[in-house]
Amino acid sequence: MNVRRLIPATAVAGAAVLGLTTLSACSSSDAADGRSDGTLDVVASFYPMQFLAEEIGGSHVSVTSLTKPGVEPHDLELSPKQIGSLSDADYILYLKGIQPAVDDAVGQAGVKNTVDAASLTTLEDHGTEVDGHDHGDEHADDHDHEADDHDAEDGDDHGHEHVGADPHIWLDPVKYAEVAKGVGSSLEKADPDHAADYRENTAKLVDELNALDTAYKTGLKDTATKTFITTHSAFGYLAERYGLTQEGIAGIDPEAEPSPARISEIHQVAEKNKATTVFFETLASDKTASTLAKDLGLKTDVLDPLEGITDKSKGADYLEVMKSNLAALQKALGAK
């Protein structure tokens, strides 16, 4: 994927030293012992990881997200305090390849119980980026499946790369369930005294995700069109899972500007496939979507990539927003 505002490793390293120095005197937590109240101190990189940690950890964890609500995760810059706090965590859950600042800081933290969610499932390439834009999922069967055999418990191995792979695994309920199982297992090992509760919470969440998968399969089985247009090409896994075609205006970078050639292509795609709606997201500008929709005589609507929950979100948590996304897709695609 195209990554913006990449923070130099030297800058992160310097900030890490500053953060660690600042916090070392007042820190009382220990990675082996947890917080003073007995809960596991968990740091999540952004909302999809936070949701998993909270749902599976339950009352046995205290979860802090590095990404505040309303902040575009790709653009996140960490403060020295945040970087320093990582080394005091008992458990870190992040998704490598979506937040460069987090990837670098996690590598510096050296926390034993560090889990990269990307290592818990198989990442795929969705579309081929040319001149900075993504040409959708026209060839879903040709995606490259990049298996990652790294152990989720290996907090010291941050060397694996998912070059060109789509990191938006949480938007596929099936893949998200795979990740949930891996997170549950890793929490059991990090905190064996509460392993039974982690297993129970994981099973409950997986059941809910399986039900969500069934709802999508049923709700999108019979539609007037299979093509949807979106400013943020975050829905490649979802499209492939449910037999749809995602046409991204400007790739997996939510704020990238589309080329004139891509705009022309979108015009042709919309006409050919009887598209009705141009989707935009809550954490980025809707200017491109509104302009394109006006030119094509189409509607606009929100398809939330669930990178954060705010008061503008159509739901209070992951499951509710995913159900809102399903309703929006059914309306736009003419579900019968």
Protein backbone atom coordinates (compact mmCIF):
# COMPACT_ATOMS: atom_id res chain seq x y z
CA MET A 1 0.00 0.00 0.00
CA ASN A 2 1.09 3.61 -0.36
CA VAL A 3 2.16 4.87 3.04
CA ARG A 4 2.09 8.56 3.87
CA ARG A 5 4.07 10.63 6.32
CA LEU A 6 6.56 7.91 7.08
CA ILE A 7 8.47 8.84 10.24
CA PRO A 8 12.22 8.21 9.96
CA ALA A 9 13.42 5.39 12.18
CA THR A 10 16.05 7.66 13.73
CA ALA A 11 13.37 10.12 14.82
CA VAL A 12 11.29 7.37 16.35
CA ALA A 13 14.30 5.92 18.13
CA GLY A 14 15.15 9.31 19.58
CA ALA A 15 11.59 9.85 20.70
CA ALA A 16 11.56 6.41 22.24
CA VAL A 17 14.62 7.21 24.34
CA LEU A 18 13.06 10.49 25.45
CA GLY A 19 9.76 8.80 26.28
CA LEU A 20 11.41 5.99 28.20
CA THR A 21 13.52 8.43 30.20
CA THR A 22 10.52 10.54 31.06
CA LEU A 23 8.37 7.65 32.18
CA SER A 24 10.83 5.33 33.86
CA ALA A 25 10.82 7.20 37.15
CA CYS A 26 7.04 7.08 37.61
CA SER A 27 6.33 3.68 36.12
CA SER A 28 5.17 1.01 38.55
CA SER A 29 3.86 -1.59 36.11
CA ASP A 30 5.69 -4.75 35.23
CA ALA A 31 5.12 -6.76 32.04
CA ALA A 32 4.98 -9.99 34.03
CA ASP A 33 2.77 -8.78 36.89
CA GLY A 34 0.18 -6.56 35.19
CA ARG A 35 -1.37 -3.43 36.69
CA SER A 36 -1.73 -2.79 40.40
CA ASP A 37 -5.45 -3.59 40.15
CA GLY A 38 -4.64 -7.04 38.74
CA THR A 39 -5.65 -6.35 35.15
CA LEU A 40 -3.41 -6.84 32.13
CA ASP A 41 -2.18 -3.54 30.70
CA VAL A 42 -2.99 -3.80 26.97
CA VAL A 43 -2.02 -1.28 24.29
CA ALA A 44 -3.91 -1.48 20.98
CA SER A 45 -2.78 0.36 17.87
CA PHE A 46 -6.22 1.50 16.65
CA TYR A 47 -9.91 0.70 16.95
CA PRO A 48 -10.17 -2.73 15.27
CA MET A 49 -7.43 -4.00 17.59
CA GLN A 50 -8.94 -2.23 20.59
CA PHE A 51 -12.30 -3.89 19.96
CA LEU A 52 -10.75 -7.36 19.91
CA ALA A 53 -8.75 -6.74 23.07
CA GLU A 54 -11.76 -5.41 24.97
CA GLU A 55 -14.19 -8.08 23.82
CA ILE A 56 -11.83 -10.99 24.45
CA GLY A 57 -10.04 -9.59 27.48
CA GLY A 58 -13.20 -8.51 29.28
CA SER A 59 -12.69 -7.49 32.90
CA HIS A 60 -9.17 -8.91 32.98
CA VAL A 61 -7.64 -6.22 30.75
CA SER A 62 -7.26 -2.46 30.74
CA VAL A 63 -7.03 -1.35 27.11
CA THR A 64 -5.48 1.85 25.80
CA SER A 65 -5.59 2.77 22.10
CA LEU A 66 -2.75 4.69 20.52
CA THR A 67 -5.20 6.22 18.03
CA LYS A 68 -7.78 8.60 19.47
CA PRO A 69 -11.33 8.63 18.03
CA GLY A 70 -11.52 10.85 14.96
CA VAL A 71 -7.84 10.53 14.07
CA GLU A 72 -7.10 9.00 10.66
CA PRO A 73 -4.97 5.95 11.64
CA HIS A 74 -2.66 6.15 8.61
CA ASP A 75 -1.61 9.67 9.67
CA LEU A 76 -0.93 8.85 13.32
CA GLU A 77 2.16 10.41 14.85
CA LEU A 78 3.10 9.21 18.33
CA SER A 79 4.19 11.45 21.17
CA PRO A 80 7.30 10.57 23.21
CA LYS A 81 4.97 9.73 26.09
CA GLN A 82 3.03 7.23 23.96
CA ILE A 83 6.21 5.63 22.68
CA GLY A 84 7.59 5.35 26.18
CA SER A 85 4.39 3.81 27.52
CA LEU A 86 4.69 0.94 25.05
CA SER A 87 7.63 -0.57 26.93
CA ASP A 88 5.53 -0.61 30.11
CA ALA A 89 2.67 -2.55 28.51
CA ASP A 90 1.99 -6.17 29.40
CA TYR A 91 0.59 -6.89 25.95
CA ILE A 92 0.62 -5.03 22.63
CA LEU A 93 -1.84 -5.72 19.79
CA TYR A 94 -1.22 -3.98 16.48
CA LEU A 95 -1.60 -4.50 12.74
CA LYS A 96 1.64 -4.17 10.85
CA GLY A 97 1.54 -2.31 7.55
CA ILE A 98 -1.11 0.31 8.27
CA GLN A 99 0.58 2.70 10.74
CA PRO A 100 4.32 3.20 10.12
CA ALA A 101 4.81 5.17 13.33
CA VAL A 102 3.35 2.31 15.37
CA ASP A 103 5.36 -0.34 13.53
CA ASP A 104 8.60 1.47 14.34
CA ALA A 105 7.69 2.18 17.98
CA VAL A 106 6.60 -1.41 18.62
CA GLY A 107 9.91 -2.62 17.26
CA GLN A 108 11.70 -0.41 19.78
CA ALA A 109 9.52 -1.41 22.76
CA GLY A 110 10.69 -5.02 23.07
CA VAL A 111 7.57 -6.23 24.89
CA LYS A 112 7.42 -10.03 25.09
CA ASN A 113 3.67 -10.33 24.52
CA THR A 114 3.48 -8.42 21.24
CA VAL A 115 1.01 -9.63 18.64
CA ASP A 116 0.85 -8.55 15.01
CA ALA A 117 -2.70 -9.25 13.82
CA ALA A 118 -1.44 -9.60 10.26
CA SER A 119 0.39 -12.75 11.32
CA LEU A 120 -2.85 -14.39 12.46
CA THR A 121 -4.43 -14.66 9.02
CA THR A 122 -3.42 -14.54 5.34
CA LEU A 123 -2.96 -11.14 3.70
CA GLU A 124 -3.88 -10.68 0.05
CA ASP A 125 -3.27 -8.20 -2.75
CA HIS A 126 -6.40 -6.41 -3.88
CA GLY A 127 -5.98 -4.71 -7.22
CA THR A 128 -2.84 -3.35 -8.85
CA GLU A 129 -1.83 0.19 -8.03
CA VAL A 130 -0.79 2.24 -11.02
CA ASP A 131 0.20 5.91 -10.75
CA GLY A 132 -0.91 5.92 -7.14
CA HIS A 133 -4.41 4.57 -7.62
CA ASP A 134 -6.04 1.20 -7.22
CA HIS A 135 -7.95 -0.47 -10.00
CA GLY A 136 -10.30 -2.39 -7.77
CA ASP A 137 -11.03 -6.10 -7.55
CA GLU A 138 -11.88 -6.98 -11.11
CA HIS A 139 -9.72 -10.09 -10.87
CA ALA A 140 -10.57 -11.45 -7.44
CA ASP A 141 -9.54 -14.96 -8.36
CA ASP A 142 -6.05 -13.77 -9.29
CA HIS A 143 -5.17 -12.36 -5.89
CA ASP A 144 -1.89 -13.49 -4.45
CA HIS A 145 -2.26 -15.16 -1.09
CA GLU A 146 0.70 -14.38 1.09
CA ALA A 147 0.86 -16.76 4.02
CA ASP A 148 2.61 -15.57 7.12
CA ASP A 149 3.87 -18.34 9.34
CA HIS A 150 5.26 -16.14 12.06
CA ASP A 151 4.29 -17.05 15.62
CA ALA A 152 1.98 -14.44 17.11
CA GLU A 153 3.83 -14.79 20.39
CA ASP A 154 7.17 -13.81 18.92
CA GLY A 155 7.46 -10.24 20.09
CA ASP A 156 11.05 -9.92 18.92
CA ASP A 157 10.46 -10.71 15.24
CA HIS A 158 9.22 -7.63 13.44
CA GLY A 159 11.17 -8.28 10.26
CA HIS A 160 8.40 -9.76 8.12
CA GLU A 161 6.92 -7.50 5.48
CA HIS A 162 3.63 -7.61 3.61
CA VAL A 163 4.74 -5.62 0.59
CA GLY A 164 1.77 -4.62 -1.54
CA ALA A 165 -0.70 -6.55 0.61
CA ASP A 166 -4.02 -5.11 1.74
CA PRO A 167 -4.06 -4.65 5.55
CA HIS A 168 -7.84 -4.13 5.93
CA ILE A 169 -8.50 -7.66 7.21
CA TRP A 170 -11.02 -6.57 9.87
CA LEU A 171 -13.62 -5.70 7.21
CA ASP A 172 -13.99 -9.39 6.37
CA PRO A 173 -15.85 -11.05 9.29
CA VAL A 174 -14.28 -14.41 8.48
CA LYS A 175 -10.71 -13.11 8.56
CA TYR A 176 -11.49 -11.01 11.63
CA ALA A 177 -12.71 -14.17 13.36
CA GLU A 178 -9.41 -15.85 12.50
CA VAL A 179 -7.58 -12.95 14.09
CA ALA A 180 -9.87 -13.08 17.13
CA LYS A 181 -8.97 -16.73 17.71
CA GLY A 182 -5.27 -15.90 17.54
CA VAL A 183 -5.67 -12.99 19.95
CA GLY A 184 -7.58 -15.22 22.36
CA SER A 185 -4.84 -17.85 22.32
CA SER A 186 -2.14 -15.23 22.87
CA LEU A 187 -3.99 -13.72 25.84
CA GLU A 188 -4.30 -17.18 27.36
CA LYS A 189 -0.52 -17.55 27.21
CA ALA A 190 0.11 -14.03 28.48
CA ASP A 191 -2.29 -14.46 31.41
CA PRO A 192 -2.86 -18.20 32.04
CA ASP A 193 -4.74 -17.58 35.31
CA HIS A 194 -7.71 -16.30 33.28
CA ALA A 195 -7.35 -18.60 30.26
CA ALA A 196 -10.83 -20.09 30.66
CA ASP A 197 -12.45 -16.65 30.51
CA TYR A 198 -10.44 -15.68 27.43
CA ARG A 199 -11.55 -18.89 25.69
CA GLU A 200 -15.19 -18.22 26.56
CA ASN A 201 -15.04 -14.59 25.40
CA THR A 202 -13.30 -15.60 22.18
CA ALA A 203 -15.91 -18.22 21.40
CA LYS A 204 -18.70 -15.69 21.96
CA LEU A 205 -17.10 -13.11 19.67
CA VAL A 206 -16.40 -15.69 16.96
CA ASP A 207 -20.06 -16.74 17.07
CA GLU A 208 -21.10 -13.10 16.60
CA LEU A 209 -18.71 -12.70 13.67
CA ASN A 210 -19.99 -15.91 12.09
CA ALA A 211 -23.54 -14.56 12.40
CA LEU A 212 -22.40 -11.32 10.76
CA ASP A 213 -20.85 -13.34 7.92
CA THR A 214 -24.14 -15.17 7.41
CA ALA A 215 -26.04 -11.87 7.34
CA TYR A 216 -23.72 -10.52 4.62
CA LYS A 217 -23.95 -13.71 2.56
CA THR A 218 -27.73 -13.70 2.72
CA GLY A 219 -28.18 -9.96 2.31
CA LEU A 220 -25.89 -9.60 -0.71
CA LYS A 221 -26.69 -12.84 -2.50
CA ASP A 222 -29.23 -11.39 -4.93
CA THR A 223 -28.53 -7.82 -6.05
CA ALA A 224 -29.16 -5.76 -9.18
CA THR A 225 -25.45 -4.96 -9.50
CA LYS A 226 -22.29 -6.32 -7.89
CA THR A 227 -20.17 -3.19 -8.33
CA PHE A 228 -19.73 -0.45 -5.77
CA ILE A 229 -17.63 2.72 -5.98
CA THR A 230 -15.71 3.99 -2.98
CA THR A 231 -13.17 6.73 -2.31
CA HIS A 232 -11.19 4.46 0.02
CA SER A 233 -10.31 1.04 -1.39
CA ALA A 234 -10.52 -0.60 2.02
CA PHE A 235 -13.14 -3.17 1.12
CA GLY A 236 -11.20 -5.64 -1.02
CA TYR A 237 -11.55 -8.52 1.43
CA LEU A 238 -15.26 -7.83 1.90
CA ALA A 239 -15.82 -7.60 -1.85
CA GLU A 240 -14.01 -10.86 -2.52
CA ARG A 241 -15.79 -12.66 0.31
CA TYR A 242 -19.27 -11.78 -0.94
CA GLY A 243 -18.78 -11.82 -4.70
CA LEU A 244 -18.71 -8.06 -5.20
CA THR A 245 -16.44 -5.75 -7.20
CA GLN A 246 -14.90 -2.79 -5.44
CA GLU A 247 -14.02 0.16 -7.68
CA GLY A 248 -11.73 2.43 -5.71
CA ILE A 249 -11.45 6.00 -6.87
CA ALA A 250 -7.99 6.62 -5.47
CA GLY A 251 -6.57 3.46 -3.93
CA ILE A 252 -6.12 2.31 -0.35
CA ASP A 253 -4.84 5.74 0.68
CA PRO A 254 -8.10 7.45 1.74
CA GLU A 255 -6.91 10.96 0.86
CA ALA A 256 -5.00 10.30 -2.38
CA GLU A 257 -6.09 12.31 -5.39
CA PRO A 258 -7.36 10.27 -8.36
CA SER A 259 -5.83 10.88 -11.78
CA PRO A 260 -7.98 12.22 -14.65
CA ALA A 261 -7.61 8.84 -16.35
CA ARG A 262 -8.99 7.06 -13.29
CA ILE A 263 -11.93 9.46 -13.08
CA SER A 264 -12.70 8.66 -16.73
CA GLU A 265 -12.53 4.94 -15.96
CA ILE A 266 -14.92 5.33 -13.04
CA HIS A 267 -17.39 7.11 -15.31
CA GLN A 268 -17.32 4.14 -17.69
CA VAL A 269 -17.55 1.58 -14.88
CA ALA A 270 -20.50 3.33 -13.26
CA GLU A 271 -22.43 3.44 -16.53
CA LYS A 272 -21.60 -0.12 -17.55
CA ASN A 273 -22.41 -1.68 -14.17
CA LYS A 274 -25.39 0.52 -13.28
CA ALA A 275 -23.78 1.83 -10.11
CA THR A 276 -26.07 4.05 -8.05
CA THR A 277 -23.87 5.34 -5.25
CA VAL A 278 -20.41 6.73 -4.55
CA PHE A 279 -19.32 5.81 -1.03
CA PHE A 280 -17.12 7.90 1.21
CA GLU A 281 -15.94 7.45 4.79
CA THR A 282 -16.40 9.31 8.06
CA LEU A 283 -12.73 10.09 8.82
CA ALA A 284 -11.79 11.65 5.47
CA SER A 285 -13.13 14.40 3.23
CA ASP A 286 -16.18 13.62 1.05
CA LYS A 287 -15.16 16.21 -1.56
CA THR A 288 -14.02 13.69 -4.18
CA ALA A 289 -17.08 11.48 -3.71
CA SER A 290 -19.47 14.43 -3.89
CA THR A 291 -17.85 15.86 -7.02
CA LEU A 292 -17.82 12.52 -8.82
CA ALA A 293 -21.38 11.70 -7.79
CA LYS A 294 -22.59 15.07 -9.04
CA ASP A 295 -20.87 14.54 -12.40
CA LEU A 296 -22.41 11.08 -12.76
CA GLY A 297 -25.81 11.89 -11.35
CA LEU A 298 -25.32 9.37 -8.54
CA LYS A 299 -26.06 9.37 -4.82
CA THR A 300 -23.50 9.46 -2.03
CA ASP A 301 -23.50 7.44 1.16
CA VAL A 302 -21.16 6.31 3.93
CA LEU A 303 -19.35 2.98 3.83
CA ASP A 304 -17.37 3.02 7.05
CA PRO A 305 -13.92 1.35 7.01
CA LEU A 306 -14.19 1.16 10.80
CA GLU A 307 -10.80 2.64 11.57
CA GLY A 308 -12.33 4.52 14.48
CA ILE A 309 -15.64 5.13 16.26
CA THR A 310 -16.88 8.70 16.64
CA ASP A 311 -20.22 10.40 17.23
CA LYS A 312 -20.63 10.37 13.43
CA SER A 313 -20.38 6.58 13.25
CA LYS A 314 -23.55 4.68 12.40
CA GLY A 315 -23.23 2.42 15.40
CA ALA A 316 -21.58 2.23 18.80
CA ASP A 317 -19.14 -0.57 18.02
CA TYR A 318 -17.70 -2.80 15.29
CA LEU A 319 -20.70 -5.10 15.00
CA GLU A 320 -23.25 -2.28 14.80
CA VAL A 321 -21.28 -0.33 12.18
CA MET A 322 -20.75 -3.46 10.08
CA LYS A 323 -24.51 -4.02 10.09
CA SER A 324 -24.98 -0.39 8.97
CA ASN A 325 -22.47 -1.01 6.18
CA LEU A 326 -24.47 -4.04 5.09
CA ALA A 327 -27.66 -1.99 4.93
CA ALA A 328 -25.87 0.70 2.88
CA LEU A 329 -24.53 -1.89 0.43
CA GLN A 330 -27.91 -3.56 0.08
CA LYS A 331 -29.50 -0.22 -0.77
CA ALA A 332 -26.78 0.80 -3.23
CA LEU A 333 -26.59 -2.57 -4.97
CA GLY A 334 -30.34 -3.08 -5.22
CA ALA A 335 -30.63 -6.12 -2.98
CA LYS A 336 -33.78 -8.14 -3.59
